[in-house]
Amino acid sequence: MQASVGRTSAQRYSIATFCPGASSESEMDGIFASLVQLHAGALVVSPNAFFASRRDQTVALTTRHAVPAIYTGREFPAAAA
């Protein structure tokens, strides 16, 4: 439901969205490659068990690819410290 609310809000302001799903570590690399290729302006990390369990990988990939990110909790930025 959160993704659909986000997409609806983005459409209202003419913001393009890319909502990939991931279920493995290798898919995470592909998602970030796509974000770079699409020249994404930012990443919003939804609160789910997959991203929470791969917090360090998510933070490392956003840092490596210089993608600004919005996280659902302070644990993510704290992982980068």
N, C-alpha and C. Protein backbone atom coordinates (compact mmCIF):
# COMPACT_ATOMS: atom_id res chain seq x y z
N MET A 1 0.81 -1.18 0.00
CA MET A 1 0.00 0.00 0.00
C MET A 1 0.86 1.26 0.00
N GLN A 2 1.97 1.26 0.76
CA GLN A 2 2.81 2.45 0.82
C GLN A 2 3.36 2.81 -0.56
N ALA A 3 3.75 1.80 -1.34
CA ALA A 3 4.29 2.08 -2.67
C ALA A 3 3.23 2.72 -3.55
N SER A 4 1.99 2.25 -3.46
CA SER A 4 0.93 2.83 -4.30
C SER A 4 0.63 4.26 -3.88
N VAL A 5 0.67 4.56 -2.59
CA VAL A 5 0.47 5.94 -2.13
C VAL A 5 1.60 6.82 -2.64
N GLY A 6 2.83 6.31 -2.58
CA GLY A 6 3.97 7.06 -3.08
C GLY A 6 3.87 7.32 -4.57
N ARG A 7 3.45 6.31 -5.33
CA ARG A 7 3.30 6.49 -6.78
C ARG A 7 2.21 7.52 -7.10
N THR A 8 1.10 7.45 -6.36
CA THR A 8 0.01 8.40 -6.58
C THR A 8 0.48 9.82 -6.30
N SER A 9 1.19 10.00 -5.21
CA SER A 9 1.71 11.33 -4.87
C SER A 9 2.71 11.80 -5.91
N ALA A 10 3.57 10.92 -6.36
CA ALA A 10 4.56 11.28 -7.38
C ALA A 10 3.88 11.70 -8.68
N GLN A 11 2.85 10.97 -9.07
CA GLN A 11 2.12 11.31 -10.30
C GLN A 11 1.49 12.69 -10.19
N ARG A 12 0.99 13.00 -9.02
CA ARG A 12 0.35 14.30 -8.81
C ARG A 12 1.33 15.44 -9.09
N TYR A 13 2.61 15.22 -8.79
CA TYR A 13 3.63 16.25 -8.99
C TYR A 13 4.51 15.99 -10.21
N SER A 14 4.06 15.10 -11.08
CA SER A 14 4.78 14.75 -12.31
C SER A 14 6.20 14.26 -12.04
N ILE A 15 6.35 13.43 -11.03
CA ILE A 15 7.64 12.84 -10.69
C ILE A 15 7.63 11.40 -11.16
N ALA A 16 8.63 11.03 -11.94
CA ALA A 16 8.73 9.66 -12.43
C ALA A 16 9.15 8.75 -11.29
N THR A 17 8.59 7.55 -11.26
CA THR A 17 8.95 6.59 -10.22
C THR A 17 9.46 5.29 -10.84
N PHE A 18 10.28 4.61 -10.08
CA PHE A 18 10.83 3.31 -10.46
C PHE A 18 10.74 2.47 -9.19
N CYS A 19 9.90 1.47 -9.19
CA CYS A 19 9.64 0.69 -7.98
C CYS A 19 10.04 -0.77 -8.18
N PRO A 20 11.32 -1.05 -8.11
CA PRO A 20 11.77 -2.43 -8.31
C PRO A 20 11.58 -3.25 -7.04
N GLY A 21 11.48 -4.52 -7.22
CA GLY A 21 11.45 -5.43 -6.08
C GLY A 21 12.75 -6.22 -6.07
N ALA A 22 13.17 -6.62 -4.92
CA ALA A 22 14.39 -7.41 -4.82
C ALA A 22 14.17 -8.53 -3.83
N SER A 23 14.75 -9.68 -4.12
CA SER A 23 14.64 -10.81 -3.20
C SER A 23 15.99 -11.49 -2.99
N SER A 24 17.06 -10.91 -3.57
CA SER A 24 18.39 -11.47 -3.38
C SER A 24 19.43 -10.34 -3.43
N GLU A 25 20.62 -10.64 -2.90
CA GLU A 25 21.68 -9.63 -2.90
C GLU A 25 22.09 -9.23 -4.31
N SER A 26 22.12 -10.19 -5.23
CA SER A 26 22.52 -9.86 -6.60
C SER A 26 21.50 -8.96 -7.28
N GLU A 27 20.23 -9.09 -6.94
CA GLU A 27 19.22 -8.20 -7.50
C GLU A 27 19.43 -6.76 -7.01
N MET A 28 19.96 -6.61 -5.81
CA MET A 28 20.24 -5.27 -5.29
C MET A 28 21.24 -4.55 -6.18
N ASP A 29 22.28 -5.25 -6.62
CA ASP A 29 23.27 -4.64 -7.51
C ASP A 29 22.60 -4.17 -8.80
N GLY A 30 21.70 -4.98 -9.32
CA GLY A 30 20.97 -4.62 -10.55
C GLY A 30 20.08 -3.41 -10.37
N ILE A 31 19.44 -3.32 -9.22
CA ILE A 31 18.58 -2.17 -8.93
C ILE A 31 19.40 -0.89 -8.94
N PHE A 32 20.54 -0.91 -8.29
CA PHE A 32 21.36 0.31 -8.23
C PHE A 32 21.97 0.64 -9.59
N ALA A 33 22.30 -0.37 -10.37
CA ALA A 33 22.77 -0.11 -11.74
C ALA A 33 21.67 0.58 -12.54
N SER A 34 20.43 0.12 -12.35
CA SER A 34 19.30 0.75 -13.04
C SER A 34 19.09 2.18 -12.58
N LEU A 35 19.22 2.43 -11.28
CA LEU A 35 19.06 3.79 -10.77
C LEU A 35 20.06 4.74 -11.40
N VAL A 36 21.30 4.28 -11.52
CA VAL A 36 22.35 5.10 -12.13
C VAL A 36 22.03 5.33 -13.61
N GLN A 37 21.65 4.26 -14.30
CA GLN A 37 21.34 4.35 -15.73
C GLN A 37 20.16 5.29 -15.98
N LEU A 38 19.18 5.28 -15.08
CA LEU A 38 18.00 6.13 -15.23
C LEU A 38 18.24 7.56 -14.73
N HIS A 39 19.44 7.82 -14.20
CA HIS A 39 19.76 9.13 -13.61
C HIS A 39 18.76 9.50 -12.53
N ALA A 40 18.47 8.54 -11.67
CA ALA A 40 17.50 8.75 -10.59
C ALA A 40 17.98 9.86 -9.67
N GLY A 41 17.06 10.72 -9.29
CA GLY A 41 17.40 11.83 -8.42
C GLY A 41 17.50 11.43 -6.96
N ALA A 42 16.84 10.32 -6.60
CA ALA A 42 16.87 9.87 -5.20
C ALA A 42 16.27 8.48 -5.09
N LEU A 43 16.51 7.87 -3.95
CA LEU A 43 15.98 6.55 -3.63
C LEU A 43 15.20 6.66 -2.33
N VAL A 44 13.99 6.11 -2.31
CA VAL A 44 13.20 6.01 -1.09
C VAL A 44 13.16 4.54 -0.73
N VAL A 45 13.72 4.20 0.42
CA VAL A 45 13.78 2.80 0.86
C VAL A 45 12.56 2.53 1.73
N SER A 46 11.70 1.64 1.27
CA SER A 46 10.48 1.33 2.00
C SER A 46 10.78 0.43 3.20
N PRO A 47 9.93 0.49 4.20
CA PRO A 47 10.15 -0.34 5.38
C PRO A 47 9.71 -1.78 5.12
N ASN A 48 10.66 -2.64 4.85
CA ASN A 48 10.33 -4.05 4.70
C ASN A 48 11.49 -4.90 5.20
N ALA A 49 11.21 -6.14 5.45
CA ALA A 49 12.19 -7.03 6.07
C ALA A 49 13.41 -7.23 5.17
N PHE A 50 13.22 -7.28 3.85
CA PHE A 50 14.34 -7.51 2.95
C PHE A 50 15.38 -6.40 3.06
N PHE A 51 14.95 -5.15 2.95
CA PHE A 51 15.90 -4.04 3.02
C PHE A 51 16.47 -3.89 4.43
N ALA A 52 15.66 -4.16 5.44
CA ALA A 52 16.16 -4.07 6.82
C ALA A 52 17.25 -5.10 7.07
N SER A 53 17.10 -6.30 6.49
CA SER A 53 18.11 -7.34 6.71
C SER A 53 19.37 -7.10 5.88
N ARG A 54 19.29 -6.21 4.92
CA ARG A 54 20.44 -5.88 4.07
C ARG A 54 20.80 -4.40 4.17
N ARG A 55 20.64 -3.89 5.36
CA ARG A 55 20.87 -2.46 5.61
C ARG A 55 22.28 -2.04 5.20
N ASP A 56 23.30 -2.79 5.61
CA ASP A 56 24.68 -2.42 5.28
C ASP A 56 24.91 -2.40 3.77
N GLN A 57 24.35 -3.40 3.07
CA GLN A 57 24.51 -3.45 1.61
C GLN A 57 23.79 -2.26 0.96
N THR A 58 22.59 -1.95 1.43
CA THR A 58 21.83 -0.83 0.87
C THR A 58 22.58 0.48 1.05
N VAL A 59 23.09 0.71 2.25
CA VAL A 59 23.84 1.94 2.52
C VAL A 59 25.13 1.99 1.70
N ALA A 60 25.82 0.87 1.59
CA ALA A 60 27.06 0.83 0.80
C ALA A 60 26.78 1.13 -0.67
N LEU A 61 25.70 0.59 -1.20
CA LEU A 61 25.37 0.83 -2.62
C LEU A 61 24.95 2.28 -2.85
N THR A 62 24.17 2.86 -1.94
CA THR A 62 23.79 4.27 -2.13
C THR A 62 25.01 5.17 -2.06
N THR A 63 25.94 4.83 -1.19
CA THR A 63 27.17 5.61 -1.07
C THR A 63 28.04 5.44 -2.31
N ARG A 64 28.25 4.20 -2.74
CA ARG A 64 29.11 3.93 -3.90
C ARG A 64 28.58 4.59 -5.16
N HIS A 65 27.26 4.58 -5.34
CA HIS A 65 26.67 5.13 -6.56
C HIS A 65 26.24 6.59 -6.39
N ALA A 66 26.50 7.17 -5.21
CA ALA A 66 26.16 8.57 -4.92
C ALA A 66 24.69 8.87 -5.20
N VAL A 67 23.82 7.99 -4.73
CA VAL A 67 22.38 8.17 -4.89
C VAL A 67 21.83 8.70 -3.57
N PRO A 68 21.26 9.91 -3.57
CA PRO A 68 20.64 10.41 -2.34
C PRO A 68 19.52 9.46 -1.93
N ALA A 69 19.39 9.20 -0.63
CA ALA A 69 18.40 8.23 -0.18
C ALA A 69 17.61 8.75 1.01
N ILE A 70 16.36 8.33 1.05
CA ILE A 70 15.48 8.58 2.18
C ILE A 70 15.18 7.22 2.79
N TYR A 71 15.51 7.09 4.06
CA TYR A 71 15.30 5.83 4.76
C TYR A 71 14.17 5.96 5.75
N THR A 72 13.65 4.82 6.20
CA THR A 72 12.52 4.82 7.12
C THR A 72 12.94 4.89 8.58
N GLY A 73 14.21 4.81 8.84
CA GLY A 73 14.67 4.87 10.22
C GLY A 73 16.12 5.31 10.28
N ARG A 74 16.54 5.74 11.43
CA ARG A 74 17.91 6.24 11.56
C ARG A 74 18.96 5.14 11.57
N GLU A 75 18.53 3.89 11.62
CA GLU A 75 19.49 2.79 11.60
C GLU A 75 20.28 2.76 10.29
N PHE A 76 19.65 3.15 9.19
CA PHE A 76 20.32 3.14 7.89
C PHE A 76 21.47 4.14 7.85
N PRO A 77 21.24 5.42 8.11
CA PRO A 77 22.37 6.36 8.08
C PRO A 77 23.42 6.02 9.14
N ALA A 78 23.00 5.50 10.27
CA ALA A 78 23.94 5.13 11.31
C ALA A 78 24.86 4.01 10.83
N ALA A 79 24.38 3.16 9.94
CA ALA A 79 25.19 2.08 9.39
C ALA A 79 26.33 2.62 8.53
N ALA A 80 26.17 3.81 8.00
CA ALA A 80 27.20 4.41 7.14
C ALA A 80 28.33 5.04 7.96
N ALA A 81 28.05 5.30 9.22
CA ALA A 81 29.04 6.00 10.06
C ALA A 81 30.19 5.11 10.44
